[in-house]
């Protein structure tokens, strides 16, 4: 067997790579938060139609969770200063 070794060099500043990865991860988290927020709004609307208080409470909690997840990066920036 003949193996060929290829050297790979990092291009650019490592801090830039970490910042790009952080931006990508937080955009994924924001997308998931928007999906949860939309699901919570639908759940809340269905609970208002069926007059179900437990489903309404779950809808409000889902909407609140979706808002927190959607704005997680901004919340972390406020906390860390």
C-alpha atoms as a PDB file:
ATOM      1  CA  UNK A   1       0.000   0.000   0.000  1.00  0.00           C
ATOM      2  CA  UNK A   2       1.216   3.410  -0.891  1.00  0.00           C
ATOM      3  CA  UNK A   3      -0.091   6.325   1.207  1.00  0.00           C
ATOM      4  CA  UNK A   4       0.228   9.911   0.129  1.00  0.00           C
ATOM      5  CA  UNK A   5       0.554  12.595   2.799  1.00  0.00           C
ATOM      6  CA  UNK A   6      -1.035  15.935   2.026  1.00  0.00           C
ATOM      7  CA  UNK A   7      -0.232  18.900   4.225  1.00  0.00           C
ATOM      8  CA  UNK A   8      -3.086  21.269   4.938  1.00  0.00           C
ATOM      9  CA  UNK A   9      -2.460  24.808   6.095  1.00  0.00           C
ATOM     10  CA  UNK A  10      -4.992  26.956   7.919  1.00  0.00           C
ATOM     11  CA  UNK A  11      -5.900  30.022   5.942  1.00  0.00           C
ATOM     12  CA  UNK A  12      -6.362  33.263   7.833  1.00  0.00           C
ATOM     13  CA  UNK A  13      -6.727  34.145  11.463  1.00  0.00           C
ATOM     14  CA  UNK A  14      -7.962  31.382  13.794  1.00  0.00           C
ATOM     15  CA  UNK A  15     -10.142  33.905  15.618  1.00  0.00           C
ATOM     16  CA  UNK A  16     -11.966  34.638  12.362  1.00  0.00           C
ATOM     17  CA  UNK A  17     -12.652  30.933  11.902  1.00  0.00           C
ATOM     18  CA  UNK A  18     -14.083  30.691  15.436  1.00  0.00           C
ATOM     19  CA  UNK A  19     -16.231  33.792  14.881  1.00  0.00           C
ATOM     20  CA  UNK A  20     -17.566  32.371  11.600  1.00  0.00           C
ATOM     21  CA  UNK A  21     -18.399  29.080  13.324  1.00  0.00           C
ATOM     22  CA  UNK A  22     -20.123  30.964  16.145  1.00  0.00           C
ATOM     23  CA  UNK A  23     -22.169  32.953  13.646  1.00  0.00           C
ATOM     24  CA  UNK A  24     -23.185  29.744  11.863  1.00  0.00           C
ATOM     25  CA  UNK A  25     -24.184  27.979  15.095  1.00  0.00           C
ATOM     26  CA  UNK A  26     -26.212  30.947  16.329  1.00  0.00           C
ATOM     27  CA  UNK A  27     -27.994  31.213  12.962  1.00  0.00           C
ATOM     28  CA  UNK A  28     -28.973  27.542  13.287  1.00  0.00           C
ATOM     29  CA  UNK A  29     -30.215  28.186  16.829  1.00  0.00           C
ATOM     30  CA  UNK A  30     -32.194  31.200  15.580  1.00  0.00           C
ATOM     31  CA  UNK A  31     -33.824  29.076  12.854  1.00  0.00           C
ATOM     32  CA  UNK A  32     -34.822  26.426  15.411  1.00  0.00           C
ATOM     33  CA  UNK A  33     -36.198  29.161  17.678  1.00  0.00           C
ATOM     34  CA  UNK A  34     -38.307  30.563  14.838  1.00  0.00           C
ATOM     35  CA  UNK A  35     -39.748  27.102  14.148  1.00  0.00           C
ATOM     36  CA  UNK A  36     -40.611  26.641  17.833  1.00  0.00           C
ATOM     37  CA  UNK A  37     -42.099  30.143  17.949  1.00  0.00           C
ATOM     38  CA  UNK A  38     -44.300  29.399  14.944  1.00  0.00           C
ATOM     39  CA  UNK A  39     -45.415  26.100  16.463  1.00  0.00           C
ATOM     40  CA  UNK A  40     -46.271  27.892  19.718  1.00  0.00           C
ATOM     41  CA  UNK A  41     -48.381  30.474  17.900  1.00  0.00           C
ATOM     42  CA  UNK A  42     -50.300  27.722  16.092  1.00  0.00           C
ATOM     43  CA  UNK A  43     -50.761  25.835  19.372  1.00  0.00           C
ATOM     44  CA  UNK A  44     -51.999  29.003  21.068  1.00  0.00           C
ATOM     45  CA  UNK A  45     -54.470  29.671  18.261  1.00  0.00           C
ATOM     46  CA  UNK A  46     -55.818  26.139  18.414  1.00  0.00           C
ATOM     47  CA  UNK A  47     -56.240  26.395  22.185  1.00  0.00           C
ATOM     48  CA  UNK A  48     -58.256  29.601  21.840  1.00  0.00           C
ATOM     49  CA  UNK A  49     -60.552  27.831  19.380  1.00  0.00           C
ATOM     50  CA  UNK A  50     -61.049  24.744  21.572  1.00  0.00           C
ATOM     51  CA  UNK A  51     -61.210  26.632  24.904  1.00  0.00           C
ATOM     52  CA  UNK A  52     -58.618  24.309  26.476  1.00  0.00           C
ATOM     53  CA  UNK A  53     -56.754  26.075  29.329  1.00  0.00           C
ATOM     54  CA  UNK A  54     -53.940  23.505  29.618  1.00  0.00           C
ATOM     55  CA  UNK A  55     -53.227  23.699  25.889  1.00  0.00           C
ATOM     56  CA  UNK A  56     -53.300  27.503  26.154  1.00  0.00           C
ATOM     57  CA  UNK A  57     -50.697  27.400  28.927  1.00  0.00           C
ATOM     58  CA  UNK A  58     -48.512  25.089  26.831  1.00  0.00           C
ATOM     59  CA  UNK A  59     -48.930  27.465  23.895  1.00  0.00           C
ATOM     60  CA  UNK A  60     -47.784  30.456  25.950  1.00  0.00           C
ATOM     61  CA  UNK A  61     -44.795  28.503  27.258  1.00  0.00           C
ATOM     62  CA  UNK A  62     -43.856  27.377  23.757  1.00  0.00           C
ATOM     63  CA  UNK A  63     -44.091  30.945  22.440  1.00  0.00           C
ATOM     64  CA  UNK A  64     -41.955  32.220  25.334  1.00  0.00           C
ATOM     65  CA  UNK A  65     -39.392  29.469  24.769  1.00  0.00           C
ATOM     66  CA  UNK A  66     -39.288  30.222  21.057  1.00  0.00           C
ATOM     67  CA  UNK A  67     -38.657  33.904  21.752  1.00  0.00           C
ATOM     68  CA  UNK A  68     -35.833  33.090  24.178  1.00  0.00           C
ATOM     69  CA  UNK A  69     -34.215  30.642  21.745  1.00  0.00           C
ATOM     70  CA  UNK A  70     -34.606  33.027  18.791  1.00  0.00           C
ATOM     71  CA  UNK A  71     -32.883  35.866  20.621  1.00  0.00           C
ATOM     72  CA  UNK A  72     -30.309  33.721  22.465  1.00  0.00           C
ATOM     73  CA  UNK A  73     -27.297  35.507  20.956  1.00  0.00           C
ATOM     74  CA  UNK A  74     -28.620  38.946  21.890  1.00  0.00           C
ATOM     75  CA  UNK A  75     -29.491  37.758  25.401  1.00  0.00           C
ATOM     76  CA  UNK A  76     -25.968  36.354  25.863  1.00  0.00           C
ATOM     77  CA  UNK A  77     -24.468  39.623  24.608  1.00  0.00           C
ATOM     78  CA  UNK A  78     -26.545  41.572  27.149  1.00  0.00           C
ATOM     79  CA  UNK A  79     -25.530  39.242  29.980  1.00  0.00           C
ATOM     80  CA  UNK A  80     -21.816  39.230  29.144  1.00  0.00           C
ATOM     81  CA  UNK A  81     -21.716  42.961  28.442  1.00  0.00           C
END
